[in-house]
Amino acid sequence: MTDGGETLPLFSQPAHDSTPSADPSHALRADSSLNAAITTWGEHLEKTGRSINTVKAFSSDLRLLAKYISAGKEIGTIGAHDLKNFLEWMQTQRNAPCSPKTYSRRVTSLKSFFRWLKETGVLCKDPAIEVPQESVLSPLPEVLTPNEMQIILELADSKRRDFDPDARPYTLVALLLESGIKKSECLNIHLNHIDLYAPQGPTLFVRYANVQKRYRERKIIVSESWVASYEEYLAQYKPVETLFPYSPRRLEYLLEDLSAESGLEKHLSFNMCRWSCALNDYRNGLDANKIRQKLGISKIQWREVGNKLHRLAAQYEAD
């Protein structure tokens, strides 16, 4: 077994020069090295508009195969048994964990790579066609039931009416459960991102400083009950620039304290609030595209998120 990072010629054996072609696969033959084929495939993926992260992930998966069976192996000599042995080694013998999701992606990488070699005429037979594609259902996130949400909100609200009133817990947790924003988005809320007099009603504007993430920006209507707590919070804590000028860990402690004081066994977190909000909207019949936009995720990301919400909703119906 050789290192997948070694420098190797395009062909395992000397070959005659050929006329260059616009299609990079035309530079490959059945006796081309696996290393060369992986490089050419990566170039093909880039030219067809795949994201740099996708190219890196797929290429990395194939480099692992090259490390196992030798980067210099001729692609025409790779059989289904090689691929099955590789997958078995990756799951049970390699000294590195391979999650079900990662395993599924690597199978997809193998099948895509060899299918491309077959479709472009480099190989006469696709050895990966005999490798079964295993779809993996990732674990469902933990969420709050409607009753648990009510318990948390009532507890946080009661703190606003204590002898020493504190509106911060309710302002935080109610916003998370209403908006479904992520922790990073919560920490980035500036006071001018909240418009209490917007035509459509009190509105939170989720903003991004990074121009590459501007597509995630959105506006979310907030409730009058939250606005009341928000105004109390401003009077009590007098934030100057950001709504929650605290460390991420400090806000996490606030959520954990609420779940501990409520007597719930679940550990309240930003992610739990986000999924609880999304599931609540889903079960209330909000249009799927509106939920996706509210969460600030792409249509591709929605495939997995929507599937999980469907499974969570079905789970609750069964209970």
C-alpha atoms as a PDB file:
ATOM      1  CA  MET A   1       0.000   0.000   0.000  1.00  0.00           C
ATOM      2  CA  THR A   2       1.508   3.364  -0.973  1.00  0.00           C
ATOM      3  CA  ASP A   3       0.880   6.927   0.149  1.00  0.00           C
ATOM      4  CA  GLY A   4      -1.919   8.634  -1.777  1.00  0.00           C
ATOM      5  CA  GLY A   5       0.091  11.888  -1.852  1.00  0.00           C
ATOM      6  CA  GLU A   6       2.990  10.540  -3.978  1.00  0.00           C
ATOM      7  CA  THR A   7       3.806  12.190  -7.303  1.00  0.00           C
ATOM      8  CA  LEU A   8       2.975   9.867 -10.171  1.00  0.00           C
ATOM      9  CA  PRO A   9       2.960  10.098 -13.974  1.00  0.00           C
ATOM     10  CA  LEU A  10      -0.281  10.337 -15.884  1.00  0.00           C
ATOM     11  CA  PHE A  11       0.054   6.736 -17.079  1.00  0.00           C
ATOM     12  CA  SER A  12       1.297   3.725 -15.162  1.00  0.00           C
ATOM     13  CA  GLN A  13       3.254   2.706 -18.266  1.00  0.00           C
ATOM     14  CA  PRO A  14       4.878   5.055 -20.851  1.00  0.00           C
ATOM     15  CA  ALA A  15       2.351   6.213 -23.415  1.00  0.00           C
ATOM     16  CA  HIS A  16       2.515   7.968 -26.771  1.00  0.00           C
ATOM     17  CA  ASP A  17       1.570  11.635 -26.927  1.00  0.00           C
ATOM     18  CA  SER A  18      -1.959  12.350 -28.000  1.00  0.00           C
ATOM     19  CA  THR A  19      -3.752  15.407 -29.293  1.00  0.00           C
ATOM     20  CA  PRO A  20      -5.064  17.605 -26.443  1.00  0.00           C
ATOM     21  CA  SER A  21      -8.818  17.735 -26.006  1.00  0.00           C
ATOM     22  CA  ALA A  22     -11.172  20.208 -24.383  1.00  0.00           C
ATOM     23  CA  ASP A  23     -12.621  17.341 -22.334  1.00  0.00           C
ATOM     24  CA  PRO A  24     -10.056  16.475 -19.614  1.00  0.00           C
ATOM     25  CA  SER A  25     -11.278  12.883 -19.545  1.00  0.00           C
ATOM     26  CA  HIS A  26      -9.864  12.449 -23.061  1.00  0.00           C
ATOM     27  CA  ALA A  27      -6.394  12.534 -21.512  1.00  0.00           C
ATOM     28  CA  LEU A  28      -7.239   9.377 -19.571  1.00  0.00           C
ATOM     29  CA  ARG A  29      -7.116   5.739 -20.622  1.00  0.00           C
ATOM     30  CA  ALA A  30      -7.805   2.478 -18.896  1.00  0.00           C
ATOM     31  CA  ASP A  31      -4.101   2.230 -18.045  1.00  0.00           C
ATOM     32  CA  SER A  32      -4.006   5.713 -16.472  1.00  0.00           C
ATOM     33  CA  SER A  33      -3.094   5.787 -12.801  1.00  0.00           C
ATOM     34  CA  LEU A  34      -5.779   6.221 -10.185  1.00  0.00           C
ATOM     35  CA  ASN A  35      -3.957   9.333  -8.990  1.00  0.00           C
ATOM     36  CA  ALA A  36      -4.201  10.943 -12.434  1.00  0.00           C
ATOM     37  CA  ALA A  37      -7.858  10.027 -12.806  1.00  0.00           C
ATOM     38  CA  ILE A  38      -8.721  11.582  -9.433  1.00  0.00           C
ATOM     39  CA  THR A  39      -6.974  14.816 -10.385  1.00  0.00           C
ATOM     40  CA  THR A  40      -8.768  14.943 -13.729  1.00  0.00           C
ATOM     41  CA  TRP A  41     -12.120  14.213 -12.105  1.00  0.00           C
ATOM     42  CA  GLY A  42     -11.574  17.058  -9.658  1.00  0.00           C
ATOM     43  CA  GLU A  43     -10.928  19.414 -12.578  1.00  0.00           C
ATOM     44  CA  HIS A  44     -14.106  18.165 -14.233  1.00  0.00           C
ATOM     45  CA  LEU A  45     -16.152  18.843 -11.087  1.00  0.00           C
ATOM     46  CA  GLU A  46     -14.809  22.392 -10.870  1.00  0.00           C
ATOM     47  CA  LYS A  47     -15.616  23.087 -14.523  1.00  0.00           C
ATOM     48  CA  THR A  48     -19.171  21.852 -14.065  1.00  0.00           C
ATOM     49  CA  GLY A  49     -19.778  24.370 -11.283  1.00  0.00           C
ATOM     50  CA  ARG A  50     -19.428  22.200  -8.190  1.00  0.00           C
ATOM     51  CA  SER A  51     -18.510  24.151  -5.047  1.00  0.00           C
ATOM     52  CA  ILE A  52     -14.940  24.041  -3.812  1.00  0.00           C
ATOM     53  CA  ASN A  53     -16.091  22.224  -0.662  1.00  0.00           C
ATOM     54  CA  THR A  54     -17.804  19.522  -2.737  1.00  0.00           C
ATOM     55  CA  VAL A  55     -14.704  19.077  -4.906  1.00  0.00           C
ATOM     56  CA  LYS A  56     -12.469  18.820  -1.846  1.00  0.00           C
ATOM     57  CA  ALA A  57     -14.757  16.324  -0.111  1.00  0.00           C
ATOM     58  CA  PHE A  58     -15.179  14.050  -3.150  1.00  0.00           C
ATOM     59  CA  SER A  59     -11.478  14.203  -4.045  1.00  0.00           C
ATOM     60  CA  SER A  60     -10.515  13.445  -0.441  1.00  0.00           C
ATOM     61  CA  ASP A  61     -12.730  10.352  -0.495  1.00  0.00           C
ATOM     62  CA  LEU A  62     -10.985   9.073  -3.622  1.00  0.00           C
ATOM     63  CA  ARG A  63      -7.527   9.912  -2.220  1.00  0.00           C
ATOM     64  CA  LEU A  64      -8.359   7.585   0.655  1.00  0.00           C
ATOM     65  CA  LEU A  65      -9.104   4.845  -1.875  1.00  0.00           C
ATOM     66  CA  ALA A  66      -5.762   5.612  -3.567  1.00  0.00           C
ATOM     67  CA  LYS A  67      -4.003   5.281  -0.249  1.00  0.00           C
ATOM     68  CA  TYR A  68      -5.585   1.862   0.254  1.00  0.00           C
ATOM     69  CA  ILE A  69      -5.086   0.235  -3.155  1.00  0.00           C
ATOM     70  CA  SER A  70      -2.116   2.346  -4.405  1.00  0.00           C
ATOM     71  CA  ALA A  71      -2.316   5.669  -6.188  1.00  0.00           C
ATOM     72  CA  GLY A  72      -0.400   4.201  -9.121  1.00  0.00           C
ATOM     73  CA  LYS A  73      -2.869   1.391  -9.788  1.00  0.00           C
ATOM     74  CA  GLU A  74      -4.281   1.377 -13.316  1.00  0.00           C
ATOM     75  CA  ILE A  75      -7.951   2.371 -13.182  1.00  0.00           C
ATOM     76  CA  GLY A  76      -8.849  -0.360 -15.667  1.00  0.00           C
ATOM     77  CA  THR A  77      -7.631  -3.027 -13.241  1.00  0.00           C
ATOM     78  CA  ILE A  78      -9.781  -1.855 -10.319  1.00  0.00           C
ATOM     79  CA  GLY A  79     -12.621  -4.281  -9.689  1.00  0.00           C
ATOM     80  CA  ALA A  80     -15.705  -4.394  -7.503  1.00  0.00           C
ATOM     81  CA  HIS A  81     -13.826  -6.584  -5.031  1.00  0.00           C
ATOM     82  CA  ASP A  82     -11.230  -3.816  -4.558  1.00  0.00           C
ATOM     83  CA  LEU A  83     -13.948  -1.301  -3.749  1.00  0.00           C
ATOM     84  CA  LYS A  84     -15.802  -3.632  -1.379  1.00  0.00           C
ATOM     85  CA  ASN A  85     -12.550  -4.507   0.417  1.00  0.00           C
ATOM     86  CA  PHE A  86     -11.792  -0.792   0.721  1.00  0.00           C
ATOM     87  CA  LEU A  87     -15.183  -0.049   2.262  1.00  0.00           C
ATOM     88  CA  GLU A  88     -14.801  -2.950   4.671  1.00  0.00           C
ATOM     89  CA  TRP A  89     -11.330  -1.714   5.664  1.00  0.00           C
ATOM     90  CA  MET A  90     -12.648   1.813   6.152  1.00  0.00           C
ATOM     91  CA  GLN A  91     -15.443   0.645   8.445  1.00  0.00           C
ATOM     92  CA  THR A  92     -13.733  -2.023  10.537  1.00  0.00           C
ATOM     93  CA  GLN A  93      -9.936  -1.891  10.175  1.00  0.00           C
ATOM     94  CA  ARG A  94      -8.890   1.717   9.675  1.00  0.00           C
ATOM     95  CA  ASN A  95      -7.832   3.428  12.889  1.00  0.00           C
ATOM     96  CA  ALA A  96     -10.182   6.350  12.374  1.00  0.00           C
ATOM     97  CA  PRO A  97     -13.915   6.565  13.052  1.00  0.00           C
ATOM     98  CA  CYS A  98     -16.245   6.656  10.044  1.00  0.00           C
ATOM     99  CA  SER A  99     -19.747   7.890  10.823  1.00  0.00           C
ATOM    100  CA  PRO A 100     -22.706   6.511   8.854  1.00  0.00           C
ATOM    101  CA  LYS A 101     -23.090   9.881   7.124  1.00  0.00           C
ATOM    102  CA  THR A 102     -19.416   9.969   6.077  1.00  0.00           C
ATOM    103  CA  TYR A 103     -19.577   6.357   4.898  1.00  0.00           C
ATOM    104  CA  SER A 104     -22.632   7.130   2.775  1.00  0.00           C
ATOM    105  CA  ARG A 105     -20.898  10.123   1.191  1.00  0.00           C
ATOM    106  CA  ARG A 106     -17.806   8.074   0.371  1.00  0.00           C
ATOM    107  CA  VAL A 107     -19.912   5.432  -1.332  1.00  0.00           C
ATOM    108  CA  THR A 108     -21.517   8.234  -3.340  1.00  0.00           C
ATOM    109  CA  SER A 109     -18.052   9.557  -4.267  1.00  0.00           C
ATOM    110  CA  LEU A 110     -16.931   6.130  -5.485  1.00  0.00           C
ATOM    111  CA  LYS A 111     -20.051   5.567  -7.552  1.00  0.00           C
ATOM    112  CA  SER A 112     -19.948   9.066  -9.074  1.00  0.00           C
ATOM    113  CA  PHE A 113     -16.264   8.760  -9.966  1.00  0.00           C
ATOM    114  CA  PHE A 114     -16.472   5.379 -11.705  1.00  0.00           C
ATOM    115  CA  ARG A 115     -19.780   6.223 -13.375  1.00  0.00           C
ATOM    116  CA  TRP A 116     -18.082   9.277 -14.881  1.00  0.00           C
ATOM    117  CA  LEU A 117     -15.178   7.136 -16.131  1.00  0.00           C
ATOM    118  CA  LYS A 118     -17.670   4.741 -17.747  1.00  0.00           C
ATOM    119  CA  GLU A 119     -19.842   7.475 -19.272  1.00  0.00           C
ATOM    120  CA  THR A 120     -16.837   9.276 -20.779  1.00  0.00           C
ATOM    121  CA  GLY A 121     -15.600   6.064 -22.388  1.00  0.00           C
ATOM    122  CA  VAL A 122     -12.438   5.751 -20.310  1.00  0.00           C
ATOM    123  CA  LEU A 123     -13.653   2.446 -18.862  1.00  0.00           C
ATOM    124  CA  CYS A 124     -15.766  -0.204 -20.538  1.00  0.00           C
ATOM    125  CA  LYS A 125     -17.262  -1.349 -17.243  1.00  0.00           C
ATOM    126  CA  ASP A 126     -18.226   0.461 -14.040  1.00  0.00           C
ATOM    127  CA  PRO A 127     -16.824  -1.556 -11.092  1.00  0.00           C
ATOM    128  CA  ALA A 128     -18.796   0.527  -8.563  1.00  0.00           C
ATOM    129  CA  ILE A 129     -22.155  -0.527  -9.988  1.00  0.00           C
ATOM    130  CA  GLU A 130     -22.023  -3.617  -7.761  1.00  0.00           C
ATOM    131  CA  VAL A 131     -21.448  -1.508  -4.638  1.00  0.00           C
ATOM    132  CA  PRO A 132     -24.784  -0.904  -2.869  1.00  0.00           C
ATOM    133  CA  GLN A 133     -25.687   2.693  -2.112  1.00  0.00           C
ATOM    134  CA  GLU A 134     -26.642   2.837   1.542  1.00  0.00           C
ATOM    135  CA  SER A 135     -28.815   5.779   2.477  1.00  0.00           C
ATOM    136  CA  VAL A 136     -28.196   6.863   6.030  1.00  0.00           C
ATOM    137  CA  LEU A 137     -30.783   8.600   8.164  1.00  0.00           C
ATOM    138  CA  SER A 138     -28.923  10.939  10.487  1.00  0.00           C
ATOM    139  CA  PRO A 139     -30.173  11.065  14.084  1.00  0.00           C
ATOM    140  CA  LEU A 140     -33.123  13.317  14.803  1.00  0.00           C
ATOM    141  CA  PRO A 141     -32.413  16.409  16.902  1.00  0.00           C
ATOM    142  CA  GLU A 142     -33.871  16.668  20.385  1.00  0.00           C
ATOM    143  CA  VAL A 143     -36.730  19.156  20.596  1.00  0.00           C
ATOM    144  CA  LEU A 144     -39.140  20.562  23.154  1.00  0.00           C
ATOM    145  CA  THR A 145     -42.731  19.435  23.163  1.00  0.00           C
ATOM    146  CA  PRO A 146     -45.353  22.224  23.113  1.00  0.00           C
ATOM    147  CA  ASN A 147     -45.940  21.609  26.822  1.00  0.00           C
ATOM    148  CA  GLU A 148     -42.224  21.842  27.590  1.00  0.00           C
ATOM    149  CA  MET A 149     -41.966  25.055  25.584  1.00  0.00           C
ATOM    150  CA  GLN A 150     -44.796  26.488  27.663  1.00  0.00           C
ATOM    151  CA  ILE A 151     -43.067  25.471  30.913  1.00  0.00           C
ATOM    152  CA  ILE A 152     -39.825  27.142  29.849  1.00  0.00           C
ATOM    153  CA  LEU A 153     -41.545  30.339  28.706  1.00  0.00           C
ATOM    154  CA  GLU A 154     -43.673  30.616  31.869  1.00  0.00           C
ATOM    155  CA  LEU A 155     -40.598  30.133  34.046  1.00  0.00           C
ATOM    156  CA  ALA A 156     -38.633  32.770  32.133  1.00  0.00           C
ATOM    157  CA  ASP A 157     -41.613  35.126  32.217  1.00  0.00           C
ATOM    158  CA  SER A 158     -41.963  34.730  35.983  1.00  0.00           C
ATOM    159  CA  LYS A 159     -38.446  36.103  36.401  1.00  0.00           C
ATOM    160  CA  ARG A 160     -39.688  39.399  34.986  1.00  0.00           C
ATOM    161  CA  ARG A 161     -41.979  39.710  38.001  1.00  0.00           C
ATOM    162  CA  ASP A 162     -39.626  38.661  40.791  1.00  0.00           C
ATOM    163  CA  PHE A 163     -38.669  40.969  43.646  1.00  0.00           C
ATOM    164  CA  ASP A 164     -35.545  41.707  41.595  1.00  0.00           C
ATOM    165  CA  PRO A 165     -37.026  41.611  38.047  1.00  0.00           C
ATOM    166  CA  ASP A 166     -34.903  40.157  35.273  1.00  0.00           C
ATOM    167  CA  ALA A 167     -36.197  40.302  31.687  1.00  0.00           C
ATOM    168  CA  ARG A 168     -33.080  38.806  30.138  1.00  0.00           C
ATOM    169  CA  PRO A 169     -34.011  35.073  30.302  1.00  0.00           C
ATOM    170  CA  TYR A 170     -37.405  35.617  28.656  1.00  0.00           C
ATOM    171  CA  THR A 171     -36.019  38.043  26.071  1.00  0.00           C
ATOM    172  CA  LEU A 172     -33.461  35.434  25.039  1.00  0.00           C
ATOM    173  CA  VAL A 173     -35.439  32.199  25.086  1.00  0.00           C
ATOM    174  CA  ALA A 174     -38.670  33.636  23.668  1.00  0.00           C
ATOM    175  CA  LEU A 175     -36.749  35.154  20.772  1.00  0.00           C
ATOM    176  CA  LEU A 176     -35.048  31.821  20.018  1.00  0.00           C
ATOM    177  CA  LEU A 177     -38.295  29.863  20.142  1.00  0.00           C
ATOM    178  CA  GLU A 178     -40.123  32.419  17.985  1.00  0.00           C
ATOM    179  CA  SER A 179     -37.439  33.067  15.380  1.00  0.00           C
ATOM    180  CA  GLY A 180     -35.382  29.860  15.158  1.00  0.00           C
ATOM    181  CA  ILE A 181     -32.166  31.858  14.732  1.00  0.00           C
ATOM    182  CA  LYS A 182     -28.775  30.244  15.284  1.00  0.00           C
ATOM    183  CA  LYS A 183     -26.401  31.091  18.118  1.00  0.00           C
ATOM    184  CA  SER A 184     -24.067  33.065  15.862  1.00  0.00           C
ATOM    185  CA  GLU A 185     -27.002  35.048  14.476  1.00  0.00           C
ATOM    186  CA  CYS A 186     -28.263  35.777  17.982  1.00  0.00           C
ATOM    187  CA  LEU A 187     -24.869  37.090  19.073  1.00  0.00           C
ATOM    188  CA  ASN A 188     -24.733  39.301  15.982  1.00  0.00           C
ATOM    189  CA  ILE A 189     -28.044  41.105  16.591  1.00  0.00           C
ATOM    190  CA  HIS A 190     -27.453  44.852  16.809  1.00  0.00           C
ATOM    191  CA  LEU A 191     -30.050  47.139  18.311  1.00  0.00           C
ATOM    192  CA  ASN A 192     -30.701  48.693  14.892  1.00  0.00           C
ATOM    193  CA  HIS A 193     -31.623  45.231  13.585  1.00  0.00           C
ATOM    194  CA  ILE A 194     -34.891  45.436  15.511  1.00  0.00           C
ATOM    195  CA  ASP A 195     -37.630  47.669  14.123  1.00  0.00           C
ATOM    196  CA  LEU A 196     -40.622  47.932  16.433  1.00  0.00           C
ATOM    197  CA  TYR A 197     -42.489  50.141  13.971  1.00  0.00           C
ATOM    198  CA  ALA A 198     -42.090  48.201  10.726  1.00  0.00           C
ATOM    199  CA  PRO A 199     -45.248  48.292   8.533  1.00  0.00           C
ATOM    200  CA  GLN A 200     -45.789  44.529   8.861  1.00  0.00           C
ATOM    201  CA  GLY A 201     -45.276  44.590  12.635  1.00  0.00           C
ATOM    202  CA  PRO A 202     -42.301  44.447  15.042  1.00  0.00           C
ATOM    203  CA  THR A 203     -39.494  42.890  13.027  1.00  0.00           C
ATOM    204  CA  LEU A 204     -36.098  41.331  13.621  1.00  0.00           C
ATOM    205  CA  PHE A 205     -33.671  41.728  10.734  1.00  0.00           C
ATOM    206  CA  VAL A 206     -31.073  38.944  10.607  1.00  0.00           C
ATOM    207  CA  ARG A 207     -27.967  40.498   9.067  1.00  0.00           C
ATOM    208  CA  TYR A 208     -24.565  39.228   7.937  1.00  0.00           C
ATOM    209  CA  ALA A 209     -21.388  41.296   7.676  1.00  0.00           C
ATOM    210  CA  ASN A 210     -19.854  38.726   5.318  1.00  0.00           C
ATOM    211  CA  VAL A 211     -21.090  39.526   1.798  1.00  0.00           C
ATOM    212  CA  GLN A 212     -20.840  35.853   0.838  1.00  0.00           C
ATOM    213  CA  LYS A 213     -23.543  35.065   3.407  1.00  0.00           C
ATOM    214  CA  ARG A 214     -25.930  37.866   2.480  1.00  0.00           C
ATOM    215  CA  TYR A 215     -28.315  35.331   0.943  1.00  0.00           C
ATOM    216  CA  ARG A 216     -29.066  34.166   4.498  1.00  0.00           C
ATOM    217  CA  GLU A 217     -30.359  37.574   5.544  1.00  0.00           C
ATOM    218  CA  ARG A 218     -34.040  37.750   6.342  1.00  0.00           C
ATOM    219  CA  LYS A 219     -36.686  39.500   8.404  1.00  0.00           C
ATOM    220  CA  ILE A 220     -38.773  37.766  11.064  1.00  0.00           C
ATOM    221  CA  ILE A 221     -41.894  39.115  12.719  1.00  0.00           C
ATOM    222  CA  VAL A 222     -41.739  39.035  16.538  1.00  0.00           C
ATOM    223  CA  SER A 223     -44.656  38.956  18.963  1.00  0.00           C
ATOM    224  CA  GLU A 224     -45.952  41.823  21.085  1.00  0.00           C
ATOM    225  CA  SER A 225     -45.247  39.766  24.219  1.00  0.00           C
ATOM    226  CA  TRP A 226     -41.607  39.555  23.207  1.00  0.00           C
ATOM    227  CA  VAL A 227     -41.504  43.287  22.491  1.00  0.00           C
ATOM    228  CA  ALA A 228     -42.729  44.032  26.032  1.00  0.00           C
ATOM    229  CA  SER A 229     -39.937  41.916  27.522  1.00  0.00           C
ATOM    230  CA  TYR A 230     -37.402  43.418  25.111  1.00  0.00           C
ATOM    231  CA  GLU A 231     -38.253  46.952  26.251  1.00  0.00           C
ATOM    232  CA  GLU A 232     -37.925  45.887  29.913  1.00  0.00           C
ATOM    233  CA  TYR A 233     -34.583  44.287  29.097  1.00  0.00           C
ATOM    234  CA  LEU A 234     -33.308  47.485  27.434  1.00  0.00           C
ATOM    235  CA  ALA A 235     -34.250  49.497  30.502  1.00  0.00           C
ATOM    236  CA  GLN A 236     -32.602  47.026  32.893  1.00  0.00           C
ATOM    237  CA  TYR A 237     -29.356  46.224  31.060  1.00  0.00           C
ATOM    238  CA  LYS A 238     -28.931  49.229  28.744  1.00  0.00           C
ATOM    239  CA  PRO A 239     -27.040  47.459  25.923  1.00  0.00           C
ATOM    240  CA  VAL A 240     -25.243  49.947  23.690  1.00  0.00           C
ATOM    241  CA  GLU A 241     -24.530  48.172  20.409  1.00  0.00           C
ATOM    242  CA  THR A 242     -25.468  44.493  20.341  1.00  0.00           C
ATOM    243  CA  LEU A 243     -28.613  43.075  21.891  1.00  0.00           C
ATOM    244  CA  PHE A 244     -26.763  40.418  23.898  1.00  0.00           C
ATOM    245  CA  PRO A 245     -23.239  41.721  24.639  1.00  0.00           C
ATOM    246  CA  TYR A 246     -22.157  38.507  26.315  1.00  0.00           C
ATOM    247  CA  SER A 247     -19.972  35.539  25.503  1.00  0.00           C
ATOM    248  CA  PRO A 248     -21.587  32.522  23.813  1.00  0.00           C
ATOM    249  CA  ARG A 249     -20.964  30.487  26.951  1.00  0.00           C
ATOM    250  CA  ARG A 250     -22.764  33.030  29.143  1.00  0.00           C
ATOM    251  CA  LEU A 251     -25.910  32.734  27.037  1.00  0.00           C
ATOM    252  CA  GLU A 252     -25.621  28.948  27.012  1.00  0.00           C
ATOM    253  CA  TYR A 253     -25.539  29.027  30.823  1.00  0.00           C
ATOM    254  CA  LEU A 254     -28.754  31.095  30.840  1.00  0.00           C
ATOM    255  CA  LEU A 255     -30.505  28.416  28.782  1.00  0.00           C
ATOM    256  CA  GLU A 256     -29.090  25.572  30.855  1.00  0.00           C
ATOM    257  CA  ASP A 257     -30.188  27.287  34.063  1.00  0.00           C
ATOM    258  CA  LEU A 258     -33.741  27.545  32.729  1.00  0.00           C
ATOM    259  CA  SER A 259     -33.926  23.855  31.849  1.00  0.00           C
ATOM    260  CA  ALA A 260     -32.437  22.856  35.211  1.00  0.00           C
ATOM    261  CA  GLU A 261     -34.803  25.096  37.188  1.00  0.00           C
ATOM    262  CA  SER A 262     -37.807  23.906  35.178  1.00  0.00           C
ATOM    263  CA  GLY A 263     -37.174  20.299  36.190  1.00  0.00           C
ATOM    264  CA  LEU A 264     -36.958  19.120  32.590  1.00  0.00           C
ATOM    265  CA  GLU A 265     -34.476  16.356  31.853  1.00  0.00           C
ATOM    266  CA  LYS A 266     -33.598  17.940  28.506  1.00  0.00           C
ATOM    267  CA  HIS A 267     -30.671  20.337  28.310  1.00  0.00           C
ATOM    268  CA  LEU A 268     -31.964  23.493  26.654  1.00  0.00           C
ATOM    269  CA  SER A 269     -29.655  24.811  23.937  1.00  0.00           C
ATOM    270  CA  PHE A 270     -29.640  27.138  20.944  1.00  0.00           C
ATOM    271  CA  ASN A 271     -29.941  24.195  18.588  1.00  0.00           C
ATOM    272  CA  MET A 272     -32.867  22.707  20.529  1.00  0.00           C
ATOM    273  CA  CYS A 273     -34.694  26.042  20.395  1.00  0.00           C
ATOM    274  CA  ARG A 274     -34.047  26.351  16.654  1.00  0.00           C
ATOM    275  CA  TRP A 275     -35.421  22.894  15.879  1.00  0.00           C
ATOM    276  CA  SER A 276     -38.334  23.340  18.298  1.00  0.00           C
ATOM    277  CA  CYS A 277     -39.298  26.553  16.518  1.00  0.00           C
ATOM    278  CA  ALA A 278     -39.090  24.907  13.091  1.00  0.00           C
ATOM    279  CA  LEU A 279     -41.100  21.878  14.201  1.00  0.00           C
ATOM    280  CA  ASN A 280     -43.750  24.081  15.784  1.00  0.00           C
ATOM    281  CA  ASP A 281     -44.137  25.994  12.503  1.00  0.00           C
ATOM    282  CA  TYR A 282     -44.193  22.738  10.536  1.00  0.00           C
ATOM    283  CA  ARG A 283     -46.884  21.169  12.707  1.00  0.00           C
ATOM    284  CA  ASN A 284     -48.924  24.369  12.526  1.00  0.00           C
ATOM    285  CA  GLY A 285     -49.023  24.070   8.737  1.00  0.00           C
ATOM    286  CA  LEU A 286     -46.687  26.910   7.778  1.00  0.00           C
ATOM    287  CA  ASP A 287     -45.628  26.640   4.144  1.00  0.00           C
ATOM    288  CA  ALA A 288     -42.386  24.664   3.764  1.00  0.00           C
ATOM    289  CA  ASN A 289     -40.715  27.399   1.729  1.00  0.00           C
ATOM    290  CA  LYS A 290     -41.549  29.968   4.396  1.00  0.00           C
ATOM    291  CA  ILE A 291     -40.009  27.766   7.083  1.00  0.00           C
ATOM    292  CA  ARG A 292     -36.896  27.372   4.924  1.00  0.00           C
ATOM    293  CA  GLN A 293     -36.633  31.133   4.439  1.00  0.00           C
ATOM    294  CA  LYS A 294     -37.216  31.768   8.130  1.00  0.00           C
ATOM    295  CA  LEU A 295     -34.343  29.427   8.998  1.00  0.00           C
ATOM    296  CA  GLY A 296     -32.120  31.052   6.370  1.00  0.00           C
ATOM    297  CA  ILE A 297     -31.129  27.818   4.637  1.00  0.00           C
ATOM    298  CA  SER A 298     -30.787  26.852   0.983  1.00  0.00           C
ATOM    299  CA  LYS A 299     -33.105  24.571  -0.959  1.00  0.00           C
ATOM    300  CA  ILE A 300     -30.430  21.870  -0.875  1.00  0.00           C
ATOM    301  CA  GLN A 301     -30.101  22.135   2.912  1.00  0.00           C
ATOM    302  CA  TRP A 302     -33.883  22.031   3.200  1.00  0.00           C
ATOM    303  CA  ARG A 303     -33.952  18.502   1.778  1.00  0.00           C
ATOM    304  CA  GLU A 304     -32.408  17.108   4.949  1.00  0.00           C
ATOM    305  CA  VAL A 305     -34.034  19.605   7.312  1.00  0.00           C
ATOM    306  CA  GLY A 306     -37.483  19.068   5.786  1.00  0.00           C
ATOM    307  CA  ASN A 307     -37.054  15.307   5.990  1.00  0.00           C
ATOM    308  CA  LYS A 308     -36.135  15.539   9.675  1.00  0.00           C
ATOM    309  CA  LEU A 309     -39.114  17.780  10.424  1.00  0.00           C
ATOM    310  CA  HIS A 310     -41.394  15.294   8.673  1.00  0.00           C
ATOM    311  CA  ARG A 311     -39.955  12.443  10.735  1.00  0.00           C
ATOM    312  CA  LEU A 312     -40.192  14.445  13.970  1.00  0.00           C
ATOM    313  CA  ALA A 313     -43.818  15.369  13.243  1.00  0.00           C
ATOM    314  CA  ALA A 314     -44.633  11.727  12.488  1.00  0.00           C
ATOM    315  CA  GLN A 315     -42.949  10.695  15.716  1.00  0.00           C
ATOM    316  CA  TYR A 316     -45.112  13.098  17.696  1.00  0.00           C
ATOM    317  CA  GLU A 317     -48.262  11.895  15.968  1.00  0.00           C
ATOM    318  CA  ALA A 318     -47.345   8.325  16.881  1.00  0.00           C
ATOM    319  CA  ASP A 319     -46.823   9.299  20.510  1.00  0.00           C
END
